[in-house]
Amino acid sequence: MAAGCRIARNIAAKLAACALAAAILSGQQARAKNKALKVELEHALVDKFVTSRILLGDRARPSRVAREGLDLDFPVHTFVDAETGEVAYCVEDWMERDEVVPNEMQRSFGVGESFRISAIHVKDNRLEIKLKKLGGQSAEVKLMMRKGWQSRYDAASVQEKLARVFVFWPLGQETGAQQGLAAN
């Protein structure tokens, strides 16, 4: 009986070691895939020129701040749901996050404004797109993709989602505006 228990424990230990090795390997493969996707997205998006299809936030004074009589405004983050296309605007101050509506924005960027994608950041549940405009103004779009999106999307499918938000300029199209945007 003791020999049977010892054999069972050895088998269980080997199975546990295999499961641990598989989990580690799977985690390493996921990180490698995420890094490859980030590189692919950077190549496909960074320094590309786009025209906005939606209103993008710049600066806002949330109603809560205005009610308190404070003359402060905050950067606006534009959130776009990748599946539904729903758009929301939020500001974050030192301790709180407030959703704002367009009429609470002191500054915004209208539909049809052009930008250069200056950077992207791949997060667990979103893709953050940093935008620069001629003159140095900037905006940020957070494409909300659900947790673990990197394993479900490739660069082409992300660009399809971004087509709800931006019109990508044709490759090779050079204008004075593009050259000015590229300098910023």
C-alpha atoms as a PDB file:
ATOM      1  CA  MET A   1       0.000   0.000   0.000  1.00  0.00           C
ATOM      2  CA  ALA A   2       2.827   2.375   0.918  1.00  0.00           C
ATOM      3  CA  ALA A   3       4.469   1.773  -2.472  1.00  0.00           C
ATOM      4  CA  GLY A   4       1.170   2.618  -4.239  1.00  0.00           C
ATOM      5  CA  CYS A   5       0.911   5.888  -2.303  1.00  0.00           C
ATOM      6  CA  ARG A   6       4.506   6.750  -3.092  1.00  0.00           C
ATOM      7  CA  ILE A   7       3.914   6.114  -6.818  1.00  0.00           C
ATOM      8  CA  ALA A   8       0.727   8.201  -6.732  1.00  0.00           C
ATOM      9  CA  ARG A   9       2.585  11.069  -4.999  1.00  0.00           C
ATOM     10  CA  ASN A  10       5.385  10.885  -7.595  1.00  0.00           C
ATOM     11  CA  ILE A  11       2.869  10.991 -10.430  1.00  0.00           C
ATOM     12  CA  ALA A  12       1.030  13.913  -8.792  1.00  0.00           C
ATOM     13  CA  ALA A  13       4.318  15.786  -8.307  1.00  0.00           C
ATOM     14  CA  LYS A  14       5.293  15.234 -11.946  1.00  0.00           C
ATOM     15  CA  LEU A  15       1.874  16.383 -13.137  1.00  0.00           C
ATOM     16  CA  ALA A  16       2.110  19.491 -10.945  1.00  0.00           C
ATOM     17  CA  ALA A  17       5.586  20.246 -12.324  1.00  0.00           C
ATOM     18  CA  CYS A  18       4.287  19.840 -15.878  1.00  0.00           C
ATOM     19  CA  ALA A  19       1.324  22.129 -15.145  1.00  0.00           C
ATOM     20  CA  LEU A  20       3.653  24.754 -13.654  1.00  0.00           C
ATOM     21  CA  ALA A  21       6.006  24.532 -16.640  1.00  0.00           C
ATOM     22  CA  ALA A  22       3.056  24.862 -19.037  1.00  0.00           C
ATOM     23  CA  ALA A  23       1.752  27.900 -17.141  1.00  0.00           C
ATOM     24  CA  ILE A  24       5.169  29.564 -17.212  1.00  0.00           C
ATOM     25  CA  LEU A  25       5.623  28.798 -20.898  1.00  0.00           C
ATOM     26  CA  SER A  26       2.120  30.049 -21.672  1.00  0.00           C
ATOM     27  CA  GLY A  27       2.798  33.289 -19.778  1.00  0.00           C
ATOM     28  CA  GLN A  28       6.075  33.778 -21.630  1.00  0.00           C
ATOM     29  CA  GLN A  29       4.384  33.119 -24.963  1.00  0.00           C
ATOM     30  CA  ALA A  30       1.605  35.609 -24.128  1.00  0.00           C
ATOM     31  CA  ARG A  31       4.163  38.281 -23.189  1.00  0.00           C
ATOM     32  CA  ALA A  32       6.103  37.626 -26.391  1.00  0.00           C
ATOM     33  CA  LYS A  33       2.892  37.845 -28.429  1.00  0.00           C
ATOM     34  CA  ASN A  34       1.909  41.080 -26.640  1.00  0.00           C
ATOM     35  CA  LYS A  35       5.335  42.562 -27.339  1.00  0.00           C
ATOM     36  CA  ALA A  36       5.126  41.511 -30.997  1.00  0.00           C
ATOM     37  CA  LEU A  37       1.651  43.074 -31.272  1.00  0.00           C
ATOM     38  CA  LYS A  38       2.915  46.305 -29.684  1.00  0.00           C
ATOM     39  CA  VAL A  39       5.808  46.469 -32.183  1.00  0.00           C
ATOM     40  CA  GLU A  40       3.425  45.734 -35.057  1.00  0.00           C
ATOM     41  CA  LEU A  41       0.979  48.430 -33.868  1.00  0.00           C
ATOM     42  CA  GLU A  42       3.760  50.979 -33.403  1.00  0.00           C
ATOM     43  CA  HIS A  43       4.955  50.324 -36.939  1.00  0.00           C
ATOM     44  CA  ALA A  44       1.411  50.555 -38.334  1.00  0.00           C
ATOM     45  CA  LEU A  45       0.286  53.637 -36.363  1.00  0.00           C
ATOM     46  CA  VAL A  46       3.042  55.849 -34.948  1.00  0.00           C
ATOM     47  CA  ASP A  47       3.875  58.872 -37.129  1.00  0.00           C
ATOM     48  CA  LYS A  48       0.810  58.230 -39.290  1.00  0.00           C
ATOM     49  CA  PHE A  49      -1.558  61.100 -40.035  1.00  0.00           C
ATOM     50  CA  VAL A  50      -5.238  60.874 -39.240  1.00  0.00           C
ATOM     51  CA  THR A  51      -8.362  62.987 -39.402  1.00  0.00           C
ATOM     52  CA  SER A  52     -10.843  62.670 -36.558  1.00  0.00           C
ATOM     53  CA  ARG A  53     -14.326  61.268 -37.227  1.00  0.00           C
ATOM     54  CA  ILE A  54     -15.477  62.200 -33.708  1.00  0.00           C
ATOM     55  CA  LEU A  55     -15.210  65.094 -31.276  1.00  0.00           C
ATOM     56  CA  LEU A  56     -12.024  64.740 -29.222  1.00  0.00           C
ATOM     57  CA  GLY A  57     -11.697  66.270 -25.781  1.00  0.00           C
ATOM     58  CA  ASP A  58      -8.947  68.701 -24.817  1.00  0.00           C
ATOM     59  CA  ARG A  59      -9.736  70.603 -21.570  1.00  0.00           C
ATOM     60  CA  ALA A  60     -12.867  70.622 -19.396  1.00  0.00           C
ATOM     61  CA  ARG A  61     -14.207  71.932 -16.109  1.00  0.00           C
ATOM     62  CA  PRO A  62     -16.423  69.218 -14.640  1.00  0.00           C
ATOM     63  CA  SER A  63     -19.728  70.429 -13.173  1.00  0.00           C
ATOM     64  CA  ARG A  64     -18.591  69.265  -9.699  1.00  0.00           C
ATOM     65  CA  VAL A  65     -15.558  71.567  -9.891  1.00  0.00           C
ATOM     66  CA  ALA A  66     -17.618  74.454 -11.277  1.00  0.00           C
ATOM     67  CA  ARG A  67     -20.183  74.063  -8.441  1.00  0.00           C
ATOM     68  CA  GLU A  68     -17.363  74.352  -5.927  1.00  0.00           C
ATOM     69  CA  GLY A  69     -16.478  77.700  -7.517  1.00  0.00           C
ATOM     70  CA  LEU A  70     -13.029  76.563  -8.623  1.00  0.00           C
ATOM     71  CA  ASP A  71     -11.618  78.053 -11.810  1.00  0.00           C
ATOM     72  CA  LEU A  72      -9.739  74.910 -12.831  1.00  0.00           C
ATOM     73  CA  ASP A  73      -9.880  72.808 -15.922  1.00  0.00           C
ATOM     74  CA  PHE A  74      -8.372  69.405 -16.556  1.00  0.00           C
ATOM     75  CA  PRO A  75      -7.197  67.331 -19.526  1.00  0.00           C
ATOM     76  CA  VAL A  76      -9.990  65.346 -21.136  1.00  0.00           C
ATOM     77  CA  HIS A  77      -9.506  61.702 -22.048  1.00  0.00           C
ATOM     78  CA  THR A  78     -11.665  60.512 -24.935  1.00  0.00           C
ATOM     79  CA  PHE A  79     -12.798  56.895 -24.427  1.00  0.00           C
ATOM     80  CA  VAL A  80     -14.130  54.883 -27.375  1.00  0.00           C
ATOM     81  CA  ASP A  81     -15.646  51.433 -26.926  1.00  0.00           C
ATOM     82  CA  ALA A  82     -14.059  49.289 -29.648  1.00  0.00           C
ATOM     83  CA  GLU A  83     -17.141  47.073 -30.009  1.00  0.00           C
ATOM     84  CA  THR A  84     -19.983  49.615 -29.949  1.00  0.00           C
ATOM     85  CA  GLY A  85     -18.237  52.818 -30.991  1.00  0.00           C
ATOM     86  CA  GLU A  86     -19.749  54.574 -27.961  1.00  0.00           C
ATOM     87  CA  VAL A  87     -17.764  57.692 -26.972  1.00  0.00           C
ATOM     88  CA  ALA A  88     -17.293  59.067 -23.442  1.00  0.00           C
ATOM     89  CA  TYR A  89     -15.206  61.913 -22.084  1.00  0.00           C
ATOM     90  CA  CYS A  90     -13.543  61.846 -18.661  1.00  0.00           C
ATOM     91  CA  VAL A  91     -11.287  64.092 -16.629  1.00  0.00           C
ATOM     92  CA  GLU A  92      -9.150  62.962 -13.746  1.00  0.00           C
ATOM     93  CA  ASP A  93      -8.066  65.358 -11.058  1.00  0.00           C
ATOM     94  CA  TRP A  94      -6.008  64.590  -7.994  1.00  0.00           C
ATOM     95  CA  MET A  95      -8.529  62.305  -6.348  1.00  0.00           C
ATOM     96  CA  GLU A  96     -11.539  61.793  -8.582  1.00  0.00           C
ATOM     97  CA  ARG A  97     -12.589  60.861 -12.056  1.00  0.00           C
ATOM     98  CA  ASP A  98     -15.545  62.644 -13.624  1.00  0.00           C
ATOM     99  CA  GLU A  99     -17.376  62.004 -16.832  1.00  0.00           C
ATOM    100  CA  VAL A 100     -17.939  65.227 -18.746  1.00  0.00           C
ATOM    101  CA  VAL A 101     -20.194  66.139 -21.633  1.00  0.00           C
ATOM    102  CA  PRO A 102     -19.142  68.242 -24.622  1.00  0.00           C
ATOM    103  CA  ASN A 103     -20.728  71.455 -23.294  1.00  0.00           C
ATOM    104  CA  GLU A 104     -18.472  71.226 -20.206  1.00  0.00           C
ATOM    105  CA  MET A 105     -15.350  71.316 -22.384  1.00  0.00           C
ATOM    106  CA  GLN A 106     -13.451  74.583 -22.551  1.00  0.00           C
ATOM    107  CA  ARG A 107     -11.546  73.258 -25.559  1.00  0.00           C
ATOM    108  CA  SER A 108     -12.078  70.335 -27.874  1.00  0.00           C
ATOM    109  CA  PHE A 109     -11.091  69.169 -31.324  1.00  0.00           C
ATOM    110  CA  GLY A 110     -13.932  68.906 -33.799  1.00  0.00           C
ATOM    111  CA  VAL A 111     -14.705  66.319 -36.401  1.00  0.00           C
ATOM    112  CA  GLY A 112     -12.366  66.734 -39.360  1.00  0.00           C
ATOM    113  CA  GLU A 113      -9.310  67.935 -37.425  1.00  0.00           C
ATOM    114  CA  SER A 114      -5.992  66.340 -38.398  1.00  0.00           C
ATOM    115  CA  PHE A 115      -3.319  64.906 -36.143  1.00  0.00           C
ATOM    116  CA  ARG A 116      -0.128  62.885 -36.185  1.00  0.00           C
ATOM    117  CA  ILE A 117      -0.132  59.776 -33.987  1.00  0.00           C
ATOM    118  CA  SER A 118       2.856  60.496 -31.762  1.00  0.00           C
ATOM    119  CA  ALA A 119       2.767  57.395 -29.546  1.00  0.00           C
ATOM    120  CA  ILE A 120       0.714  54.405 -28.510  1.00  0.00           C
ATOM    121  CA  HIS A 121       0.554  52.564 -25.214  1.00  0.00           C
ATOM    122  CA  VAL A 122      -0.723  48.992 -25.015  1.00  0.00           C
ATOM    123  CA  LYS A 123      -2.579  48.412 -21.745  1.00  0.00           C
ATOM    124  CA  ASP A 124      -4.376  45.323 -20.464  1.00  0.00           C
ATOM    125  CA  ASN A 125      -7.856  46.564 -21.422  1.00  0.00           C
ATOM    126  CA  ARG A 126      -7.174  49.328 -23.943  1.00  0.00           C
ATOM    127  CA  LEU A 127      -4.959  50.928 -26.540  1.00  0.00           C
ATOM    128  CA  GLU A 128      -4.003  54.521 -25.751  1.00  0.00           C
ATOM    129  CA  ILE A 129      -3.312  56.734 -28.769  1.00  0.00           C
ATOM    130  CA  LYS A 130      -1.405  59.988 -28.241  1.00  0.00           C
ATOM    131  CA  LEU A 131      -2.079  62.632 -30.880  1.00  0.00           C
ATOM    132  CA  LYS A 132      -0.242  65.838 -31.830  1.00  0.00           C
ATOM    133  CA  LYS A 133      -1.713  68.704 -33.787  1.00  0.00           C
ATOM    134  CA  LEU A 134       0.063  71.440 -35.726  1.00  0.00           C
ATOM    135  CA  GLY A 135       0.828  74.116 -33.155  1.00  0.00           C
ATOM    136  CA  GLY A 136       1.662  71.649 -30.396  1.00  0.00           C
ATOM    137  CA  GLN A 137      -1.812  70.880 -29.027  1.00  0.00           C
ATOM    138  CA  SER A 138      -2.406  67.287 -28.108  1.00  0.00           C
ATOM    139  CA  ALA A 139      -5.223  64.848 -27.513  1.00  0.00           C
ATOM    140  CA  GLU A 140      -5.522  61.310 -26.264  1.00  0.00           C
ATOM    141  CA  VAL A 141      -7.902  58.559 -27.312  1.00  0.00           C
ATOM    142  CA  LYS A 142      -8.342  55.426 -25.243  1.00  0.00           C
ATOM    143  CA  LEU A 143      -9.734  52.608 -27.367  1.00  0.00           C
ATOM    144  CA  MET A 144     -11.370  50.305 -24.815  1.00  0.00           C
ATOM    145  CA  MET A 145     -10.850  46.696 -25.863  1.00  0.00           C
ATOM    146  CA  ARG A 146     -11.732  44.501 -22.844  1.00  0.00           C
ATOM    147  CA  LYS A 147      -9.221  42.695 -20.670  1.00  0.00           C
ATOM    148  CA  GLY A 148      -6.829  40.411 -22.531  1.00  0.00           C
ATOM    149  CA  TRP A 149      -7.619  41.923 -25.943  1.00  0.00           C
ATOM    150  CA  GLN A 150      -4.071  41.334 -27.194  1.00  0.00           C
ATOM    151  CA  SER A 151      -4.752  37.615 -27.562  1.00  0.00           C
ATOM    152  CA  ARG A 152      -7.879  38.245 -29.674  1.00  0.00           C
ATOM    153  CA  TYR A 153      -6.726  41.002 -32.044  1.00  0.00           C
ATOM    154  CA  ASP A 154      -3.954  41.584 -34.545  1.00  0.00           C
ATOM    155  CA  ALA A 155      -2.789  44.956 -35.885  1.00  0.00           C
ATOM    156  CA  ALA A 156      -5.166  44.858 -38.861  1.00  0.00           C
ATOM    157  CA  SER A 157      -8.230  44.241 -36.682  1.00  0.00           C
ATOM    158  CA  VAL A 158      -7.173  47.047 -34.318  1.00  0.00           C
ATOM    159  CA  GLN A 159      -6.903  49.394 -37.301  1.00  0.00           C
ATOM    160  CA  GLU A 160     -10.427  48.348 -38.328  1.00  0.00           C
ATOM    161  CA  LYS A 161     -11.649  49.387 -34.861  1.00  0.00           C
ATOM    162  CA  LEU A 162      -9.751  52.667 -35.136  1.00  0.00           C
ATOM    163  CA  ALA A 163     -11.473  53.381 -38.466  1.00  0.00           C
ATOM    164  CA  ARG A 164     -14.538  54.331 -36.377  1.00  0.00           C
ATOM    165  CA  VAL A 165     -12.491  57.113 -34.835  1.00  0.00           C
ATOM    166  CA  PHE A 166     -10.051  58.194 -37.551  1.00  0.00           C
ATOM    167  CA  VAL A 167      -9.629  58.460 -41.283  1.00  0.00           C
ATOM    168  CA  PHE A 168      -6.062  57.396 -42.020  1.00  0.00           C
ATOM    169  CA  TRP A 169      -4.298  59.533 -44.601  1.00  0.00           C
ATOM    170  CA  PRO A 170      -3.099  57.699 -47.709  1.00  0.00           C
ATOM    171  CA  LEU A 171       0.545  56.656 -47.666  1.00  0.00           C
ATOM    172  CA  GLY A 172       2.884  59.041 -49.452  1.00  0.00           C
ATOM    173  CA  GLN A 173       0.528  62.005 -49.252  1.00  0.00           C
ATOM    174  CA  GLU A 174       2.779  64.953 -48.378  1.00  0.00           C
ATOM    175  CA  THR A 175       1.436  68.398 -47.628  1.00  0.00           C
ATOM    176  CA  GLY A 176       2.738  71.408 -45.771  1.00  0.00           C
ATOM    177  CA  ALA A 177       0.403  70.518 -42.907  1.00  0.00           C
ATOM    178  CA  GLN A 178       1.863  67.023 -42.665  1.00  0.00           C
ATOM    179  CA  GLN A 179       5.392  68.379 -42.659  1.00  0.00           C
ATOM    180  CA  GLY A 180       4.414  70.816 -39.901  1.00  0.00           C
ATOM    181  CA  LEU A 181       2.773  68.027 -37.885  1.00  0.00           C
ATOM    182  CA  ALA A 182       5.827  65.836 -38.303  1.00  0.00           C
ATOM    183  CA  ALA A 183       8.024  68.565 -36.841  1.00  0.00           C
ATOM    184  CA  ASN A 184       6.023  68.597 -33.565  1.00  0.00           C
END
